[in-house]
Amino acid sequence: MTIDVYADIACPWCYVGRAHLKNALAQRPALNVTLRWRPFQLQPHMPPTGRDFRKVLSEKFGGWDQAQQTFERIQDMGAEDDLTFDFEAIEVAPNTADAHRLILWAQDQDPEAADALATTLFRAYFTEGRNVSDPAVLADGAAETGLEADAARAVLEGDDYAEAVRTSQQQAQRRGITGVPCYVFGDEHALTGAQPTDVFVEALDTLAPDSSTG
């Protein structure tokens, strides 16, 4: 079974949701699942080099203090899965188009490499505060994941997969997806949000009952 993962590297709930989905899959090892990355930019019109993180989040939540209340909820949830969110370290709210392009490139080589790269970039952004609009940061992430850094740089220097990123966004809209994370099981059944692990397990059991004995 294929699970389409509509997500954005700049989305903390996507990072948490990925951990919960992986936990669920670990509980159902007999189930043959392929995760397929589907780009979704929460802010597709963000300048290519990004914007000041504090300004962007203050605008979104009506002030930095209000934003921090949301951060605390995310940090508490992430801690349950050993995910560290250091929002104070983040300086740039990124344009994630190039990150999506690079993940699609990795996916063409190996779906597991795409998931690994996405996880590396989540950590680079949310834990280390690195600017994932920066091609050098993206290439470093590829190298850290075990991909060829020079090949990654070549992708980033061109426009490979740019159309695929736009197409994925349009496809999401046609499917009625307005936010992420969103998980589409077998092209038919959708699960939205950073659901708890047991909700993902229930979805797997419903769609592939034989996996429950795995």
C-alpha atoms as a PDB file:
ATOM      1  CA  MET A   1       0.000   0.000   0.000  1.00  0.00           C
ATOM      2  CA  THR A   2       1.132   3.530  -0.758  1.00  0.00           C
ATOM      3  CA  ILE A   3       0.540   6.393   1.641  1.00  0.00           C
ATOM      4  CA  ASP A   4       0.787   9.838   0.066  1.00  0.00           C
ATOM      5  CA  VAL A   5       2.267  12.220   2.621  1.00  0.00           C
ATOM      6  CA  TYR A   6       1.228  15.806   1.954  1.00  0.00           C
ATOM      7  CA  ALA A   7       3.523  17.881   4.123  1.00  0.00           C
ATOM      8  CA  ASP A   8       5.741  20.934   4.344  1.00  0.00           C
ATOM      9  CA  ILE A   9       9.184  21.166   5.914  1.00  0.00           C
ATOM     10  CA  ALA A  10       8.130  24.418   7.625  1.00  0.00           C
ATOM     11  CA  CYS A  11       5.193  22.678   9.359  1.00  0.00           C
ATOM     12  CA  PRO A  12       5.931  21.462  12.920  1.00  0.00           C
ATOM     13  CA  TRP A  13       2.809  19.288  12.981  1.00  0.00           C
ATOM     14  CA  CYS A  14       4.148  17.491   9.903  1.00  0.00           C
ATOM     15  CA  TYR A  15       7.294  16.602  11.839  1.00  0.00           C
ATOM     16  CA  VAL A  16       5.224  15.275  14.742  1.00  0.00           C
ATOM     17  CA  GLY A  17       2.836  13.436  12.420  1.00  0.00           C
ATOM     18  CA  ARG A  18       5.713  11.747  10.647  1.00  0.00           C
ATOM     19  CA  ALA A  19       6.956  10.380  13.979  1.00  0.00           C
ATOM     20  CA  HIS A  20       3.502   9.053  14.869  1.00  0.00           C
ATOM     21  CA  LEU A  21       3.051   7.405  11.476  1.00  0.00           C
ATOM     22  CA  LYS A  22       6.469   5.737  11.707  1.00  0.00           C
ATOM     23  CA  ASN A  23       5.616   4.503  15.211  1.00  0.00           C
ATOM     24  CA  ALA A  24       2.398   2.996  13.852  1.00  0.00           C
ATOM     25  CA  LEU A  25       4.193   1.298  10.976  1.00  0.00           C
ATOM     26  CA  ALA A  26       6.695  -0.171  13.432  1.00  0.00           C
ATOM     27  CA  GLN A  27       3.763  -1.826  15.190  1.00  0.00           C
ATOM     28  CA  ARG A  28       2.619  -3.401  11.929  1.00  0.00           C
ATOM     29  CA  PRO A  29       5.866  -4.748  10.410  1.00  0.00           C
ATOM     30  CA  ALA A  30       4.031  -7.260   8.212  1.00  0.00           C
ATOM     31  CA  LEU A  31       2.385  -4.450   6.259  1.00  0.00           C
ATOM     32  CA  ASN A  32       4.189  -3.470   3.074  1.00  0.00           C
ATOM     33  CA  VAL A  33       3.877   0.311   2.916  1.00  0.00           C
ATOM     34  CA  THR A  34       5.565   2.875   0.695  1.00  0.00           C
ATOM     35  CA  LEU A  35       5.521   6.482   1.834  1.00  0.00           C
ATOM     36  CA  ARG A  36       5.290   8.890  -1.094  1.00  0.00           C
ATOM     37  CA  TRP A  37       6.214  12.526  -0.453  1.00  0.00           C
ATOM     38  CA  ARG A  38       3.719  15.030  -1.848  1.00  0.00           C
ATOM     39  CA  PRO A  39       4.875  18.668  -1.668  1.00  0.00           C
ATOM     40  CA  PHE A  40       2.526  21.166  -0.079  1.00  0.00           C
ATOM     41  CA  GLN A  41       3.747  24.701   0.606  1.00  0.00           C
ATOM     42  CA  LEU A  42       1.913  26.459   3.388  1.00  0.00           C
ATOM     43  CA  GLN A  43       3.297  29.760   2.115  1.00  0.00           C
ATOM     44  CA  PRO A  44       4.016  29.303  -1.595  1.00  0.00           C
ATOM     45  CA  HIS A  45       4.426  33.048  -2.119  1.00  0.00           C
ATOM     46  CA  MET A  46       7.177  33.393   0.466  1.00  0.00           C
ATOM     47  CA  PRO A  47      10.239  35.208  -1.010  1.00  0.00           C
ATOM     48  CA  PRO A  48      12.858  32.713  -2.235  1.00  0.00           C
ATOM     49  CA  THR A  49      15.227  33.547   0.632  1.00  0.00           C
ATOM     50  CA  GLY A  50      12.466  33.586   3.245  1.00  0.00           C
ATOM     51  CA  ARG A  51      11.438  36.246   5.771  1.00  0.00           C
ATOM     52  CA  ASP A  52      12.169  37.119   9.370  1.00  0.00           C
ATOM     53  CA  PHE A  53      10.734  34.279  11.452  1.00  0.00           C
ATOM     54  CA  ARG A  54       9.552  36.399  14.365  1.00  0.00           C
ATOM     55  CA  LYS A  55       7.751  38.844  12.097  1.00  0.00           C
ATOM     56  CA  VAL A  56       6.022  36.093  10.155  1.00  0.00           C
ATOM     57  CA  LEU A  57       4.873  34.233  13.266  1.00  0.00           C
ATOM     58  CA  SER A  58       3.850  37.419  15.054  1.00  0.00           C
ATOM     59  CA  GLU A  59       1.703  38.341  12.072  1.00  0.00           C
ATOM     60  CA  LYS A  60       0.159  34.874  11.989  1.00  0.00           C
ATOM     61  CA  PHE A  61      -0.678  34.626  15.702  1.00  0.00           C
ATOM     62  CA  GLY A  62      -1.271  38.280  16.552  1.00  0.00           C
ATOM     63  CA  GLY A  63       1.964  38.715  18.483  1.00  0.00           C
ATOM     64  CA  TRP A  64       5.103  36.861  19.527  1.00  0.00           C
ATOM     65  CA  ASP A  65       3.715  36.030  22.979  1.00  0.00           C
ATOM     66  CA  GLN A  66       0.709  34.346  21.384  1.00  0.00           C
ATOM     67  CA  ALA A  67       2.985  32.426  19.034  1.00  0.00           C
ATOM     68  CA  GLN A  68       4.989  31.141  21.981  1.00  0.00           C
ATOM     69  CA  GLN A  69       1.869  29.619  23.517  1.00  0.00           C
ATOM     70  CA  THR A  70       1.472  27.505  20.388  1.00  0.00           C
ATOM     71  CA  PHE A  71       5.189  26.681  20.464  1.00  0.00           C
ATOM     72  CA  GLU A  72       4.824  25.275  23.975  1.00  0.00           C
ATOM     73  CA  ARG A  73       2.067  22.906  22.854  1.00  0.00           C
ATOM     74  CA  ILE A  74       4.203  21.701  19.949  1.00  0.00           C
ATOM     75  CA  GLN A  75       7.274  21.268  22.155  1.00  0.00           C
ATOM     76  CA  ASP A  76       5.320  19.221  24.677  1.00  0.00           C
ATOM     77  CA  MET A  77       3.899  16.967  21.980  1.00  0.00           C
ATOM     78  CA  GLY A  78       7.279  16.589  20.276  1.00  0.00           C
ATOM     79  CA  ALA A  79       8.974  15.638  23.534  1.00  0.00           C
ATOM     80  CA  GLU A  80       6.789  12.529  23.708  1.00  0.00           C
ATOM     81  CA  ASP A  81       8.596  11.280  20.578  1.00  0.00           C
ATOM     82  CA  ASP A  82      12.050  12.678  21.444  1.00  0.00           C
ATOM     83  CA  LEU A  83      11.641  15.520  18.940  1.00  0.00           C
ATOM     84  CA  THR A  84      13.276  18.795  19.952  1.00  0.00           C
ATOM     85  CA  PHE A  85      11.769  22.091  18.816  1.00  0.00           C
ATOM     86  CA  ASP A  86      13.946  25.156  19.413  1.00  0.00           C
ATOM     87  CA  PHE A  87      11.865  28.007  18.024  1.00  0.00           C
ATOM     88  CA  GLU A  88      14.180  30.599  19.552  1.00  0.00           C
ATOM     89  CA  ALA A  89      16.966  29.338  17.273  1.00  0.00           C
ATOM     90  CA  ILE A  90      14.965  29.888  14.073  1.00  0.00           C
ATOM     91  CA  GLU A  91      15.741  33.171  12.321  1.00  0.00           C
ATOM     92  CA  VAL A  92      14.223  32.624   8.875  1.00  0.00           C
ATOM     93  CA  ALA A  93      10.734  31.525   7.867  1.00  0.00           C
ATOM     94  CA  PRO A  94      11.719  29.684   4.685  1.00  0.00           C
ATOM     95  CA  ASN A  95      10.444  29.262   1.192  1.00  0.00           C
ATOM     96  CA  THR A  96      10.388  25.471   1.003  1.00  0.00           C
ATOM     97  CA  ALA A  97      10.150  25.001  -2.776  1.00  0.00           C
ATOM     98  CA  ASP A  98      13.793  23.925  -3.102  1.00  0.00           C
ATOM     99  CA  ALA A  99      13.509  21.592  -0.124  1.00  0.00           C
ATOM    100  CA  HIS A 100      10.536  19.931  -1.804  1.00  0.00           C
ATOM    101  CA  ARG A 101      12.433  19.677  -5.097  1.00  0.00           C
ATOM    102  CA  LEU A 102      15.331  17.968  -3.374  1.00  0.00           C
ATOM    103  CA  ILE A 103      13.070  15.502  -1.556  1.00  0.00           C
ATOM    104  CA  LEU A 104      11.396  14.581  -4.853  1.00  0.00           C
ATOM    105  CA  TRP A 105      14.837  14.023  -6.358  1.00  0.00           C
ATOM    106  CA  ALA A 106      15.702  11.714  -3.471  1.00  0.00           C
ATOM    107  CA  GLN A 107      12.390   9.929  -3.890  1.00  0.00           C
ATOM    108  CA  ASP A 108      13.183   9.104  -7.495  1.00  0.00           C
ATOM    109  CA  GLN A 109      16.234   7.272  -6.206  1.00  0.00           C
ATOM    110  CA  ASP A 110      14.636   5.567  -3.205  1.00  0.00           C
ATOM    111  CA  PRO A 111      11.390   6.333  -1.326  1.00  0.00           C
ATOM    112  CA  GLU A 112      13.133   5.607   1.960  1.00  0.00           C
ATOM    113  CA  ALA A 113      15.796   8.173   1.094  1.00  0.00           C
ATOM    114  CA  ALA A 114      13.080  10.781   0.598  1.00  0.00           C
ATOM    115  CA  ASP A 115      11.608  10.085   4.029  1.00  0.00           C
ATOM    116  CA  ALA A 116      15.080  10.184   5.582  1.00  0.00           C
ATOM    117  CA  LEU A 117      15.920  13.481   3.877  1.00  0.00           C
ATOM    118  CA  ALA A 118      12.633  15.046   4.933  1.00  0.00           C
ATOM    119  CA  THR A 119      13.347  14.022   8.516  1.00  0.00           C
ATOM    120  CA  THR A 120      16.861  15.465   8.306  1.00  0.00           C
ATOM    121  CA  LEU A 121      15.496  18.771   7.037  1.00  0.00           C
ATOM    122  CA  PHE A 122      12.792  18.880   9.701  1.00  0.00           C
ATOM    123  CA  ARG A 123      15.505  18.479  12.320  1.00  0.00           C
ATOM    124  CA  ALA A 124      17.777  21.054  10.657  1.00  0.00           C
ATOM    125  CA  TYR A 125      15.003  23.615  10.743  1.00  0.00           C
ATOM    126  CA  PHE A 126      13.135  22.970  13.980  1.00  0.00           C
ATOM    127  CA  THR A 127      15.968  21.701  16.192  1.00  0.00           C
ATOM    128  CA  GLU A 128      19.032  23.452  14.787  1.00  0.00           C
ATOM    129  CA  GLY A 129      17.356  26.614  13.490  1.00  0.00           C
ATOM    130  CA  ARG A 130      18.997  26.332  10.070  1.00  0.00           C
ATOM    131  CA  ASN A 131      17.629  28.152   7.035  1.00  0.00           C
ATOM    132  CA  VAL A 132      16.175  25.467   4.770  1.00  0.00           C
ATOM    133  CA  SER A 133      15.792  28.065   2.004  1.00  0.00           C
ATOM    134  CA  ASP A 134      19.588  28.017   1.717  1.00  0.00           C
ATOM    135  CA  PRO A 135      20.911  25.641  -0.980  1.00  0.00           C
ATOM    136  CA  ALA A 136      24.037  24.985   1.093  1.00  0.00           C
ATOM    137  CA  VAL A 137      21.913  23.824   4.035  1.00  0.00           C
ATOM    138  CA  LEU A 138      19.853  21.603   1.739  1.00  0.00           C
ATOM    139  CA  ALA A 139      22.950  20.058   0.173  1.00  0.00           C
ATOM    140  CA  ASP A 140      24.391  19.438   3.637  1.00  0.00           C
ATOM    141  CA  GLY A 141      21.140  17.710   4.555  1.00  0.00           C
ATOM    142  CA  ALA A 142      21.397  15.480   1.517  1.00  0.00           C
ATOM    143  CA  ALA A 143      24.974  14.542   2.424  1.00  0.00           C
ATOM    144  CA  GLU A 144      23.969  13.860   6.031  1.00  0.00           C
ATOM    145  CA  THR A 145      21.254  11.538   4.754  1.00  0.00           C
ATOM    146  CA  GLY A 146      23.795   9.598   2.670  1.00  0.00           C
ATOM    147  CA  LEU A 147      22.931  11.149  -0.702  1.00  0.00           C
ATOM    148  CA  GLU A 148      25.503  12.671  -3.034  1.00  0.00           C
ATOM    149  CA  ALA A 149      26.014  16.315  -2.122  1.00  0.00           C
ATOM    150  CA  ASP A 150      27.328  17.278  -5.570  1.00  0.00           C
ATOM    151  CA  ALA A 151      24.303  15.732  -7.257  1.00  0.00           C
ATOM    152  CA  ALA A 152      22.043  17.545  -4.802  1.00  0.00           C
ATOM    153  CA  ARG A 153      23.738  20.853  -5.597  1.00  0.00           C
ATOM    154  CA  ALA A 154      23.243  20.231  -9.311  1.00  0.00           C
ATOM    155  CA  VAL A 155      19.507  19.742  -8.728  1.00  0.00           C
ATOM    156  CA  LEU A 156      19.294  22.914  -6.681  1.00  0.00           C
ATOM    157  CA  GLU A 157      21.187  24.966  -9.250  1.00  0.00           C
ATOM    158  CA  GLY A 158      18.629  24.080 -11.940  1.00  0.00           C
ATOM    159  CA  ASP A 159      14.853  23.895 -11.966  1.00  0.00           C
ATOM    160  CA  ASP A 160      14.392  20.114 -11.856  1.00  0.00           C
ATOM    161  CA  TYR A 161      11.166  19.101 -10.085  1.00  0.00           C
ATOM    162  CA  ALA A 162       9.895  22.690  -9.869  1.00  0.00           C
ATOM    163  CA  GLU A 163       6.890  21.805 -12.005  1.00  0.00           C
ATOM    164  CA  ALA A 164       6.294  18.678  -9.909  1.00  0.00           C
ATOM    165  CA  VAL A 165       6.107  20.831  -6.778  1.00  0.00           C
ATOM    166  CA  ARG A 166       3.509  23.085  -8.375  1.00  0.00           C
ATOM    167  CA  THR A 167       1.556  20.099  -9.688  1.00  0.00           C
ATOM    168  CA  SER A 168       1.465  18.505  -6.240  1.00  0.00           C
ATOM    169  CA  GLN A 169       0.056  21.713  -4.776  1.00  0.00           C
ATOM    170  CA  GLN A 170      -2.650  21.803  -7.442  1.00  0.00           C
ATOM    171  CA  GLN A 171      -3.447  18.132  -6.931  1.00  0.00           C
ATOM    172  CA  ALA A 172      -3.861  18.730  -3.219  1.00  0.00           C
ATOM    173  CA  GLN A 173      -6.337  21.512  -3.911  1.00  0.00           C
ATOM    174  CA  ARG A 174      -8.329  19.260  -6.230  1.00  0.00           C
ATOM    175  CA  ARG A 175      -8.443  16.661  -3.481  1.00  0.00           C
ATOM    176  CA  GLY A 176      -9.794  19.248  -1.075  1.00  0.00           C
ATOM    177  CA  ILE A 177      -6.609  19.369   0.986  1.00  0.00           C
ATOM    178  CA  THR A 178      -6.254  22.833   2.492  1.00  0.00           C
ATOM    179  CA  GLY A 179      -3.707  22.123   5.224  1.00  0.00           C
ATOM    180  CA  VAL A 180      -1.039  19.666   6.269  1.00  0.00           C
ATOM    181  CA  PRO A 181      -0.144  17.098   7.313  1.00  0.00           C
ATOM    182  CA  CYS A 182      -2.549  14.994   5.303  1.00  0.00           C
ATOM    183  CA  TYR A 183      -2.117  11.287   4.613  1.00  0.00           C
ATOM    184  CA  VAL A 184      -3.914   9.597   1.730  1.00  0.00           C
ATOM    185  CA  PHE A 185      -4.038   5.803   2.024  1.00  0.00           C
ATOM    186  CA  GLY A 186      -4.139   3.921  -1.267  1.00  0.00           C
ATOM    187  CA  ASP A 187      -5.374   6.986  -3.196  1.00  0.00           C
ATOM    188  CA  GLU A 188      -8.729   6.711  -1.421  1.00  0.00           C
ATOM    189  CA  HIS A 189      -8.803   7.334   2.315  1.00  0.00           C
ATOM    190  CA  ALA A 190      -7.455  10.522   3.896  1.00  0.00           C
ATOM    191  CA  LEU A 191      -6.330  11.173   7.457  1.00  0.00           C
ATOM    192  CA  THR A 192      -5.535  14.755   8.396  1.00  0.00           C
ATOM    193  CA  GLY A 193      -3.458  16.275  11.155  1.00  0.00           C
ATOM    194  CA  ALA A 194      -0.726  15.010  13.459  1.00  0.00           C
ATOM    195  CA  GLN A 195      -2.915  12.216  14.747  1.00  0.00           C
ATOM    196  CA  PRO A 196      -1.820  10.058  17.716  1.00  0.00           C
ATOM    197  CA  THR A 197      -0.014   6.826  16.917  1.00  0.00           C
ATOM    198  CA  ASP A 198      -3.025   4.684  17.825  1.00  0.00           C
ATOM    199  CA  VAL A 199      -5.169   6.524  15.272  1.00  0.00           C
ATOM    200  CA  PHE A 200      -2.654   5.665  12.564  1.00  0.00           C
ATOM    201  CA  VAL A 201      -2.603   2.043  13.763  1.00  0.00           C
ATOM    202  CA  GLU A 202      -6.391   1.903  13.562  1.00  0.00           C
ATOM    203  CA  ALA A 203      -6.285   3.315  10.030  1.00  0.00           C
ATOM    204  CA  LEU A 204      -3.737   0.709   8.974  1.00  0.00           C
ATOM    205  CA  ASP A 205      -5.799  -2.084  10.499  1.00  0.00           C
ATOM    206  CA  THR A 206      -8.972  -0.861   8.819  1.00  0.00           C
ATOM    207  CA  LEU A 207      -7.395  -0.611   5.400  1.00  0.00           C
ATOM    208  CA  ALA A 208      -5.228  -3.734   5.682  1.00  0.00           C
ATOM    209  CA  PRO A 209      -6.718  -5.951   8.433  1.00  0.00           C
ATOM    210  CA  ASP A 210      -4.142  -8.704   7.915  1.00  0.00           C
ATOM    211  CA  SER A 211      -1.457  -6.342   9.212  1.00  0.00           C
ATOM    212  CA  SER A 212      -2.920  -6.413  12.705  1.00  0.00           C
ATOM    213  CA  THR A 213      -1.280  -9.724  13.404  1.00  0.00           C
ATOM    214  CA  GLY A 214       2.149  -8.440  12.355  1.00  0.00           C
END
